């Protein structure tokens, strides 16, 4: 009976340790690996002995072998649409490693539109003459004609998009649908 109880207890210890993630840091300052599962054995740096069965050891014994249990910490708060939270490092205390969070920026890639496709779409809608008149009146016709493509983040495009929609009698949804068909692939 004692043997069965001991097997069940060791299985529980193995299961709880297997669910955790660990990082390797020999000095408790610099991280030497990404979070991963714990290996079955390690090398104790203070005693110089090989430690077998790291899963059944305490956090302090694992840390002495350089393996620190990662304690997940909550993300600090909200971010804007082009940001995200990422683990930027770890704080080593009490034989465990606490996650340190930092904001990261997503690279926003501007959408490129085909000038020829825009021209053809406006011609098909019967709106090209009005668009040409608007561009000529606002000094935008030559830049439009010389451009091979139009970028969604270009300052003139951003500034004039709503005005062009109004001048052509289109809603912004219609303009966005038209531009969606003109995206360069």
C-alpha atoms as a PDB file:
ATOM      1  CA  UNK A   1       0.000   0.000   0.000  1.00  0.00           C
ATOM      2  CA  UNK A   2       2.836   2.410   0.841  1.00  0.00           C
ATOM      3  CA  UNK A   3       4.377   1.684  -2.545  1.00  0.00           C
ATOM      4  CA  UNK A   4       1.146   2.560  -4.426  1.00  0.00           C
ATOM      5  CA  UNK A   5       0.792   5.768  -2.415  1.00  0.00           C
ATOM      6  CA  UNK A   6       4.405   6.707  -3.191  1.00  0.00           C
ATOM      7  CA  UNK A   7       3.860   6.055  -6.926  1.00  0.00           C
ATOM      8  CA  UNK A   8       0.711   8.185  -6.964  1.00  0.00           C
ATOM      9  CA  UNK A   9       2.474  10.984  -5.085  1.00  0.00           C
ATOM     10  CA  UNK A  10       5.450  10.963  -7.464  1.00  0.00           C
ATOM     11  CA  UNK A  11       3.087  10.932 -10.477  1.00  0.00           C
ATOM     12  CA  UNK A  12       1.342  14.025  -9.107  1.00  0.00           C
ATOM     13  CA  UNK A  13       4.696  15.762  -8.615  1.00  0.00           C
ATOM     14  CA  UNK A  14       5.736  14.882 -12.162  1.00  0.00           C
ATOM     15  CA  UNK A  15       2.429  16.070 -13.608  1.00  0.00           C
ATOM     16  CA  UNK A  16       2.571  19.426 -11.829  1.00  0.00           C
ATOM     17  CA  UNK A  17       6.193  20.033 -12.857  1.00  0.00           C
ATOM     18  CA  UNK A  18       5.534  18.923 -16.434  1.00  0.00           C
ATOM     19  CA  UNK A  19       2.772  21.525 -16.817  1.00  0.00           C
ATOM     20  CA  UNK A  20       5.146  24.357 -15.902  1.00  0.00           C
ATOM     21  CA  UNK A  21       7.630  25.957 -18.259  1.00  0.00           C
ATOM     22  CA  UNK A  22      11.257  26.544 -17.311  1.00  0.00           C
ATOM     23  CA  UNK A  23      14.101  28.735 -18.549  1.00  0.00           C
ATOM     24  CA  UNK A  24      17.789  28.093 -18.161  1.00  0.00           C
ATOM     25  CA  UNK A  25      19.969  30.711 -16.490  1.00  0.00           C
ATOM     26  CA  UNK A  26      23.286  29.697 -15.016  1.00  0.00           C
ATOM     27  CA  UNK A  27      23.777  32.934 -13.090  1.00  0.00           C
ATOM     28  CA  UNK A  28      20.176  33.982 -12.364  1.00  0.00           C
ATOM     29  CA  UNK A  29      20.623  37.144 -14.425  1.00  0.00           C
ATOM     30  CA  UNK A  30      20.907  36.281 -18.113  1.00  0.00           C
ATOM     31  CA  UNK A  31      18.443  33.919 -19.779  1.00  0.00           C
ATOM     32  CA  UNK A  32      20.047  31.133 -21.792  1.00  0.00           C
ATOM     33  CA  UNK A  33      16.927  29.547 -23.302  1.00  0.00           C
ATOM     34  CA  UNK A  34      13.345  30.196 -24.271  1.00  0.00           C
ATOM     35  CA  UNK A  35      10.661  28.815 -21.957  1.00  0.00           C
ATOM     36  CA  UNK A  36      10.522  25.064 -22.392  1.00  0.00           C
ATOM     37  CA  UNK A  37       9.794  21.839 -20.530  1.00  0.00           C
ATOM     38  CA  UNK A  38      12.124  20.782 -17.755  1.00  0.00           C
ATOM     39  CA  UNK A  39      14.810  18.197 -18.634  1.00  0.00           C
ATOM     40  CA  UNK A  40      15.063  15.041 -16.546  1.00  0.00           C
ATOM     41  CA  UNK A  41      18.493  15.835 -15.116  1.00  0.00           C
ATOM     42  CA  UNK A  42      20.727  18.804 -14.401  1.00  0.00           C
ATOM     43  CA  UNK A  43      24.112  19.800 -13.026  1.00  0.00           C
ATOM     44  CA  UNK A  44      24.189  21.460  -9.609  1.00  0.00           C
ATOM     45  CA  UNK A  45      26.654  24.348  -9.854  1.00  0.00           C
ATOM     46  CA  UNK A  46      27.320  24.636  -6.122  1.00  0.00           C
ATOM     47  CA  UNK A  47      27.939  20.956  -5.310  1.00  0.00           C
ATOM     48  CA  UNK A  48      29.233  19.899  -8.734  1.00  0.00           C
ATOM     49  CA  UNK A  49      26.949  16.845  -8.797  1.00  0.00           C
ATOM     50  CA  UNK A  50      24.595  15.598 -11.490  1.00  0.00           C
ATOM     51  CA  UNK A  51      21.008  15.792 -10.235  1.00  0.00           C
ATOM     52  CA  UNK A  52      18.685  13.127 -11.658  1.00  0.00           C
ATOM     53  CA  UNK A  53      14.910  13.610 -11.527  1.00  0.00           C
ATOM     54  CA  UNK A  54      14.591  17.406 -11.667  1.00  0.00           C
ATOM     55  CA  UNK A  55      10.803  17.030 -11.972  1.00  0.00           C
ATOM     56  CA  UNK A  56      10.548  15.826  -8.371  1.00  0.00           C
ATOM     57  CA  UNK A  57      12.901  18.498  -6.964  1.00  0.00           C
ATOM     58  CA  UNK A  58      12.062  21.808  -5.303  1.00  0.00           C
ATOM     59  CA  UNK A  59      12.331  25.169  -7.051  1.00  0.00           C
ATOM     60  CA  UNK A  60      15.521  25.910  -5.093  1.00  0.00           C
ATOM     61  CA  UNK A  61      17.144  22.635  -6.201  1.00  0.00           C
ATOM     62  CA  UNK A  62      16.160  23.273  -9.822  1.00  0.00           C
ATOM     63  CA  UNK A  63      17.481  26.848  -9.653  1.00  0.00           C
ATOM     64  CA  UNK A  64      20.798  25.543  -8.306  1.00  0.00           C
ATOM     65  CA  UNK A  65      20.990  23.510 -11.523  1.00  0.00           C
ATOM     66  CA  UNK A  66      20.193  26.628 -13.577  1.00  0.00           C
ATOM     67  CA  UNK A  67      16.550  25.750 -14.334  1.00  0.00           C
ATOM     68  CA  UNK A  68      14.086  28.398 -13.160  1.00  0.00           C
ATOM     69  CA  UNK A  69      10.319  27.835 -13.138  1.00  0.00           C
ATOM     70  CA  UNK A  70       8.500  30.582 -15.054  1.00  0.00           C
ATOM     71  CA  UNK A  71       5.731  32.244 -13.082  1.00  0.00           C
ATOM     72  CA  UNK A  72       3.204  33.751 -15.462  1.00  0.00           C
ATOM     73  CA  UNK A  73       2.279  37.296 -14.551  1.00  0.00           C
ATOM     74  CA  UNK A  74      -0.745  39.181 -15.878  1.00  0.00           C
ATOM     75  CA  UNK A  75      -0.336  41.592 -18.761  1.00  0.00           C
ATOM     76  CA  UNK A  76      -0.148  45.190 -17.459  1.00  0.00           C
ATOM     77  CA  UNK A  77      -3.123  46.663 -19.324  1.00  0.00           C
ATOM     78  CA  UNK A  78      -4.596  47.654 -22.647  1.00  0.00           C
ATOM     79  CA  UNK A  79      -2.715  48.485 -25.820  1.00  0.00           C
ATOM     80  CA  UNK A  80      -3.710  50.287 -29.010  1.00  0.00           C
ATOM     81  CA  UNK A  81      -4.390  48.418 -32.250  1.00  0.00           C
ATOM     82  CA  UNK A  82      -0.813  48.431 -33.549  1.00  0.00           C
ATOM     83  CA  UNK A  83       0.737  47.383 -30.212  1.00  0.00           C
ATOM     84  CA  UNK A  84       0.917  44.103 -28.338  1.00  0.00           C
ATOM     85  CA  UNK A  85       2.333  42.860 -25.057  1.00  0.00           C
ATOM     86  CA  UNK A  86       5.394  40.609 -25.167  1.00  0.00           C
ATOM     87  CA  UNK A  87       7.626  39.082 -22.521  1.00  0.00           C
ATOM     88  CA  UNK A  88      10.771  41.220 -22.603  1.00  0.00           C
ATOM     89  CA  UNK A  89      12.682  39.555 -19.798  1.00  0.00           C
ATOM     90  CA  UNK A  90      12.536  37.812 -16.457  1.00  0.00           C
ATOM     91  CA  UNK A  91      13.085  38.779 -12.835  1.00  0.00           C
ATOM     92  CA  UNK A  92      14.762  36.026 -10.795  1.00  0.00           C
ATOM     93  CA  UNK A  93      13.623  35.854  -7.162  1.00  0.00           C
ATOM     94  CA  UNK A  94      12.821  33.072  -4.680  1.00  0.00           C
ATOM     95  CA  UNK A  95      14.144  30.395  -7.065  1.00  0.00           C
ATOM     96  CA  UNK A  96      11.557  31.261  -9.745  1.00  0.00           C
ATOM     97  CA  UNK A  97      11.535  33.565 -12.769  1.00  0.00           C
ATOM     98  CA  UNK A  98       8.771  36.171 -13.048  1.00  0.00           C
ATOM     99  CA  UNK A  99       7.818  37.460 -16.499  1.00  0.00           C
ATOM    100  CA  UNK A 100       8.519  41.102 -17.327  1.00  0.00           C
ATOM    101  CA  UNK A 101       6.134  42.561 -19.922  1.00  0.00           C
ATOM    102  CA  UNK A 102       6.837  45.276 -22.469  1.00  0.00           C
ATOM    103  CA  UNK A 103       4.948  46.912 -25.306  1.00  0.00           C
ATOM    104  CA  UNK A 104       5.938  45.991 -28.836  1.00  0.00           C
ATOM    105  CA  UNK A 105       4.828  47.647 -32.058  1.00  0.00           C
ATOM    106  CA  UNK A 106       3.358  45.790 -34.995  1.00  0.00           C
ATOM    107  CA  UNK A 107       4.771  46.820 -38.301  1.00  0.00           C
ATOM    108  CA  UNK A 108       1.910  48.402 -40.227  1.00  0.00           C
ATOM    109  CA  UNK A 109       2.379  47.816 -43.920  1.00  0.00           C
ATOM    110  CA  UNK A 110       0.615  50.424 -46.051  1.00  0.00           C
ATOM    111  CA  UNK A 111      -1.721  49.204 -48.768  1.00  0.00           C
ATOM    112  CA  UNK A 112      -0.629  49.973 -52.333  1.00  0.00           C
ATOM    113  CA  UNK A 113      -3.270  50.779 -54.957  1.00  0.00           C
ATOM    114  CA  UNK A 114      -2.892  50.575 -58.708  1.00  0.00           C
ATOM    115  CA  UNK A 115      -3.413  53.973 -60.328  1.00  0.00           C
ATOM    116  CA  UNK A 116      -4.582  52.304 -63.540  1.00  0.00           C
ATOM    117  CA  UNK A 117      -7.111  50.182 -61.615  1.00  0.00           C
ATOM    118  CA  UNK A 118      -8.465  53.293 -59.876  1.00  0.00           C
ATOM    119  CA  UNK A 119      -8.806  55.051 -63.225  1.00  0.00           C
ATOM    120  CA  UNK A 120     -10.602  52.042 -64.774  1.00  0.00           C
ATOM    121  CA  UNK A 121     -12.963  51.668 -61.781  1.00  0.00           C
ATOM    122  CA  UNK A 122     -13.874  55.373 -61.838  1.00  0.00           C
ATOM    123  CA  UNK A 123     -14.351  55.259 -65.623  1.00  0.00           C
ATOM    124  CA  UNK A 124     -16.654  52.239 -65.241  1.00  0.00           C
ATOM    125  CA  UNK A 125     -18.731  54.110 -62.615  1.00  0.00           C
ATOM    126  CA  UNK A 126     -18.909  57.187 -64.834  1.00  0.00           C
ATOM    127  CA  UNK A 127     -17.078  59.223 -62.165  1.00  0.00           C
ATOM    128  CA  UNK A 128     -13.753  59.771 -63.938  1.00  0.00           C
ATOM    129  CA  UNK A 129     -14.646  63.187 -65.370  1.00  0.00           C
ATOM    130  CA  UNK A 130     -15.661  64.467 -61.918  1.00  0.00           C
ATOM    131  CA  UNK A 131     -12.515  62.962 -60.360  1.00  0.00           C
ATOM    132  CA  UNK A 132     -10.299  64.531 -63.034  1.00  0.00           C
ATOM    133  CA  UNK A 133     -11.948  67.934 -62.548  1.00  0.00           C
ATOM    134  CA  UNK A 134     -11.441  67.709 -58.765  1.00  0.00           C
ATOM    135  CA  UNK A 135      -7.781  66.689 -59.127  1.00  0.00           C
ATOM    136  CA  UNK A 136      -7.069  69.468 -61.642  1.00  0.00           C
ATOM    137  CA  UNK A 137      -8.748  72.073 -59.396  1.00  0.00           C
ATOM    138  CA  UNK A 138      -6.644  70.947 -56.405  1.00  0.00           C
ATOM    139  CA  UNK A 139      -3.318  70.467 -58.204  1.00  0.00           C
ATOM    140  CA  UNK A 140      -3.404  66.679 -57.835  1.00  0.00           C
ATOM    141  CA  UNK A 141      -3.816  65.641 -61.466  1.00  0.00           C
ATOM    142  CA  UNK A 142      -0.127  65.553 -62.462  1.00  0.00           C
ATOM    143  CA  UNK A 143       0.984  63.629 -59.353  1.00  0.00           C
ATOM    144  CA  UNK A 144      -1.843  61.140 -59.973  1.00  0.00           C
ATOM    145  CA  UNK A 145      -0.914  60.681 -63.635  1.00  0.00           C
ATOM    146  CA  UNK A 146       2.806  60.201 -62.929  1.00  0.00           C
ATOM    147  CA  UNK A 147       2.291  57.776 -60.028  1.00  0.00           C
ATOM    148  CA  UNK A 148       2.570  54.066 -60.756  1.00  0.00           C
ATOM    149  CA  UNK A 149       0.951  53.210 -57.464  1.00  0.00           C
ATOM    150  CA  UNK A 150      -0.728  55.074 -54.634  1.00  0.00           C
ATOM    151  CA  UNK A 151       0.097  54.275 -51.004  1.00  0.00           C
ATOM    152  CA  UNK A 152      -2.593  54.304 -48.313  1.00  0.00           C
ATOM    153  CA  UNK A 153      -0.226  56.109 -45.920  1.00  0.00           C
ATOM    154  CA  UNK A 154       0.772  58.913 -48.307  1.00  0.00           C
ATOM    155  CA  UNK A 155      -0.120  62.272 -46.675  1.00  0.00           C
ATOM    156  CA  UNK A 156      -1.909  63.644 -49.765  1.00  0.00           C
ATOM    157  CA  UNK A 157      -3.959  60.461 -50.144  1.00  0.00           C
ATOM    158  CA  UNK A 158      -4.991  60.518 -46.491  1.00  0.00           C
ATOM    159  CA  UNK A 159      -5.830  64.242 -46.572  1.00  0.00           C
ATOM    160  CA  UNK A 160      -7.883  64.173 -49.786  1.00  0.00           C
ATOM    161  CA  UNK A 161      -9.676  60.815 -49.624  1.00  0.00           C
ATOM    162  CA  UNK A 162     -12.809  62.152 -47.875  1.00  0.00           C
ATOM    163  CA  UNK A 163     -12.910  65.260 -50.085  1.00  0.00           C
ATOM    164  CA  UNK A 164     -12.745  63.140 -53.260  1.00  0.00           C
ATOM    165  CA  UNK A 165     -15.566  60.936 -51.961  1.00  0.00           C
ATOM    166  CA  UNK A 166     -17.703  64.010 -51.322  1.00  0.00           C
ATOM    167  CA  UNK A 167     -16.879  65.558 -54.703  1.00  0.00           C
ATOM    168  CA  UNK A 168     -17.835  62.329 -56.492  1.00  0.00           C
ATOM    169  CA  UNK A 169     -21.027  61.846 -54.477  1.00  0.00           C
ATOM    170  CA  UNK A 170     -19.807  58.574 -52.959  1.00  0.00           C
ATOM    171  CA  UNK A 171     -19.905  57.359 -49.388  1.00  0.00           C
ATOM    172  CA  UNK A 172     -16.677  56.336 -47.657  1.00  0.00           C
ATOM    173  CA  UNK A 173     -17.907  52.723 -47.724  1.00  0.00           C
ATOM    174  CA  UNK A 174     -18.256  52.931 -51.519  1.00  0.00           C
ATOM    175  CA  UNK A 175     -14.785  54.476 -51.830  1.00  0.00           C
ATOM    176  CA  UNK A 176     -13.289  51.751 -49.607  1.00  0.00           C
ATOM    177  CA  UNK A 177     -15.021  49.048 -51.677  1.00  0.00           C
ATOM    178  CA  UNK A 178     -13.691  50.630 -54.885  1.00  0.00           C
ATOM    179  CA  UNK A 179     -10.164  50.851 -53.484  1.00  0.00           C
ATOM    180  CA  UNK A 180     -10.341  47.275 -52.242  1.00  0.00           C
ATOM    181  CA  UNK A 181     -10.660  46.159 -55.860  1.00  0.00           C
ATOM    182  CA  UNK A 182      -7.599  48.254 -56.827  1.00  0.00           C
ATOM    183  CA  UNK A 183      -5.103  46.789 -54.329  1.00  0.00           C
ATOM    184  CA  UNK A 184      -1.801  45.726 -55.859  1.00  0.00           C
ATOM    185  CA  UNK A 185      -1.095  42.091 -55.194  1.00  0.00           C
END
